[in-house]
Amino acid sequence: MGGYPLALHEAVFRFKSDHAKKIFDALQPEMPDEVNPRSTTRCSLEGEDTLVLAIEAQDTASLRAALNMYLRLVNVADEVASLVDTT
């Protein structure tokens, strides 16, 4: 059987934020550079105020690693967008 094994683990987060588009734009450069070949990350927008982050992984360790990285990136991007809006 060829191709990649089926993903066994998935996490989907929806972040409602006034900065959803800015966060999405900040994450886009990271998407093509998958850090771990055992996980896949997708990011999209639902409307103008909801960022959707979906991560699929072959094992829990890969899922945890991807979640740690992308949730941290979302948090930092949101904090920076908030700082920029207040200045």
C-alpha atoms as a PDB file:
ATOM      1  CA  MET A   1       0.000   0.000   0.000  1.00  0.00           C
ATOM      2  CA  GLY A   2       1.600   3.303  -1.090  1.00  0.00           C
ATOM      3  CA  GLY A   3       1.325   6.819   0.192  1.00  0.00           C
ATOM      4  CA  TYR A   4       1.180   8.138   3.709  1.00  0.00           C
ATOM      5  CA  PRO A   5      -0.395   6.204   6.566  1.00  0.00           C
ATOM      6  CA  LEU A   6      -3.738   7.465   7.766  1.00  0.00           C
ATOM      7  CA  ALA A   7      -3.607  10.131  10.458  1.00  0.00           C
ATOM      8  CA  LEU A   8      -4.745   8.655  13.736  1.00  0.00           C
ATOM      9  CA  HIS A   9      -4.967  11.849  15.751  1.00  0.00           C
ATOM     10  CA  GLU A  10      -6.504  15.218  14.969  1.00  0.00           C
ATOM     11  CA  ALA A  11      -7.031  18.488  16.797  1.00  0.00           C
ATOM     12  CA  VAL A  12      -9.063  21.403  15.461  1.00  0.00           C
ATOM     13  CA  PHE A  13      -9.099  24.803  17.138  1.00  0.00           C
ATOM     14  CA  ARG A  14     -11.271  27.780  16.286  1.00  0.00           C
ATOM     15  CA  PHE A  15     -10.024  31.129  17.571  1.00  0.00           C
ATOM     16  CA  LYS A  16     -12.484  33.995  17.534  1.00  0.00           C
ATOM     17  CA  SER A  17     -10.500  37.222  17.384  1.00  0.00           C
ATOM     18  CA  ASP A  18     -10.616  40.681  15.908  1.00  0.00           C
ATOM     19  CA  HIS A  19      -7.087  39.843  14.725  1.00  0.00           C
ATOM     20  CA  ALA A  20      -7.967  36.577  12.936  1.00  0.00           C
ATOM     21  CA  LYS A  21      -6.786  37.808   9.511  1.00  0.00           C
ATOM     22  CA  LYS A  22      -3.522  39.193  10.931  1.00  0.00           C
ATOM     23  CA  ILE A  23      -2.845  35.925  12.766  1.00  0.00           C
ATOM     24  CA  PHE A  24      -3.657  33.944   9.622  1.00  0.00           C
ATOM     25  CA  ASP A  25      -1.253  36.094   7.584  1.00  0.00           C
ATOM     26  CA  ALA A  26       1.463  35.656  10.214  1.00  0.00           C
ATOM     27  CA  LEU A  27       1.096  31.854  10.174  1.00  0.00           C
ATOM     28  CA  GLN A  28       1.125  31.436   6.401  1.00  0.00           C
ATOM     29  CA  PRO A  29       4.931  31.465   5.995  1.00  0.00           C
ATOM     30  CA  GLU A  30       5.133  28.572   8.496  1.00  0.00           C
ATOM     31  CA  MET A  31       2.650  26.312   6.693  1.00  0.00           C
ATOM     32  CA  PRO A  32       4.862  25.050   3.827  1.00  0.00           C
ATOM     33  CA  ASP A  33       7.735  24.254   6.206  1.00  0.00           C
ATOM     34  CA  GLU A  34       6.347  21.237   8.022  1.00  0.00           C
ATOM     35  CA  VAL A  35       8.667  20.617  10.951  1.00  0.00           C
ATOM     36  CA  ASN A  36       7.623  17.018  11.498  1.00  0.00           C
ATOM     37  CA  PRO A  37       6.836  14.711   8.556  1.00  0.00           C
ATOM     38  CA  ARG A  38       4.452  12.778  10.828  1.00  0.00           C
ATOM     39  CA  SER A  39       2.040  15.709  11.133  1.00  0.00           C
ATOM     40  CA  THR A  40       0.145  18.043   8.837  1.00  0.00           C
ATOM     41  CA  THR A  41      -1.139  21.489   9.754  1.00  0.00           C
ATOM     42  CA  ARG A  42      -3.790  23.531   7.975  1.00  0.00           C
ATOM     43  CA  CYS A  43      -4.908  27.054   8.739  1.00  0.00           C
ATOM     44  CA  SER A  44      -7.942  28.859   7.351  1.00  0.00           C
ATOM     45  CA  LEU A  45     -10.383  31.650   8.072  1.00  0.00           C
ATOM     46  CA  GLU A  46     -14.104  31.328   8.755  1.00  0.00           C
ATOM     47  CA  GLY A  47     -15.582  34.723   8.151  1.00  0.00           C
ATOM     48  CA  GLU A  48     -13.624  37.758   9.245  1.00  0.00           C
ATOM     49  CA  ASP A  49     -13.152  36.903  12.893  1.00  0.00           C
ATOM     50  CA  THR A  50     -12.454  33.164  13.200  1.00  0.00           C
ATOM     51  CA  LEU A  51      -9.131  31.443  12.626  1.00  0.00           C
ATOM     52  CA  VAL A  52      -9.258  27.657  12.207  1.00  0.00           C
ATOM     53  CA  LEU A  53      -6.152  25.617  12.997  1.00  0.00           C
ATOM     54  CA  ALA A  54      -6.299  21.888  12.175  1.00  0.00           C
ATOM     55  CA  ILE A  55      -3.491  19.478  12.962  1.00  0.00           C
ATOM     56  CA  GLU A  56      -3.370  15.800  11.992  1.00  0.00           C
ATOM     57  CA  ALA A  57      -0.669  13.464  13.232  1.00  0.00           C
ATOM     58  CA  GLN A  58       0.274   9.812  13.077  1.00  0.00           C
ATOM     59  CA  ASP A  59       0.977   9.614  16.819  1.00  0.00           C
ATOM     60  CA  THR A  60       0.334  11.579  19.995  1.00  0.00           C
ATOM     61  CA  ALA A  61       3.944  12.761  20.334  1.00  0.00           C
ATOM     62  CA  SER A  62       3.798  14.354  16.876  1.00  0.00           C
ATOM     63  CA  LEU A  63       0.410  15.889  17.634  1.00  0.00           C
ATOM     64  CA  ARG A  64       1.699  17.343  20.905  1.00  0.00           C
ATOM     65  CA  ALA A  65       4.809  18.790  19.258  1.00  0.00           C
ATOM     66  CA  ALA A  66       2.808  20.436  16.462  1.00  0.00           C
ATOM     67  CA  LEU A  67       0.215  21.763  18.922  1.00  0.00           C
ATOM     68  CA  ASN A  68       2.899  23.265  21.141  1.00  0.00           C
ATOM     69  CA  MET A  69       4.489  25.064  18.224  1.00  0.00           C
ATOM     70  CA  TYR A  70       1.362  26.355  16.469  1.00  0.00           C
ATOM     71  CA  LEU A  71      -0.552  27.316  19.611  1.00  0.00           C
ATOM     72  CA  ARG A  72       2.483  29.309  20.724  1.00  0.00           C
ATOM     73  CA  LEU A  73       2.668  31.007  17.299  1.00  0.00           C
ATOM     74  CA  VAL A  74      -1.045  31.880  17.426  1.00  0.00           C
ATOM     75  CA  ASN A  75      -0.640  33.319  20.920  1.00  0.00           C
ATOM     76  CA  VAL A  76       2.397  35.423  19.975  1.00  0.00           C
ATOM     77  CA  ALA A  77       0.757  36.696  16.774  1.00  0.00           C
ATOM     78  CA  ASP A  78      -2.376  37.682  18.715  1.00  0.00           C
ATOM     79  CA  GLU A  79      -0.331  39.482  21.389  1.00  0.00           C
ATOM     80  CA  VAL A  80       1.670  41.389  18.772  1.00  0.00           C
ATOM     81  CA  ALA A  81      -1.501  42.329  16.855  1.00  0.00           C
ATOM     82  CA  SER A  82      -3.010  43.611  20.118  1.00  0.00           C
ATOM     83  CA  LEU A  83       0.074  45.714  20.825  1.00  0.00           C
ATOM     84  CA  VAL A  84       0.030  47.187  17.331  1.00  0.00           C
ATOM     85  CA  ASP A  85      -3.665  48.069  17.671  1.00  0.00           C
ATOM     86  CA  THR A  86      -3.059  49.969  20.917  1.00  0.00           C
ATOM     87  CA  THR A  87      -0.193  52.118  19.629  1.00  0.00           C
END
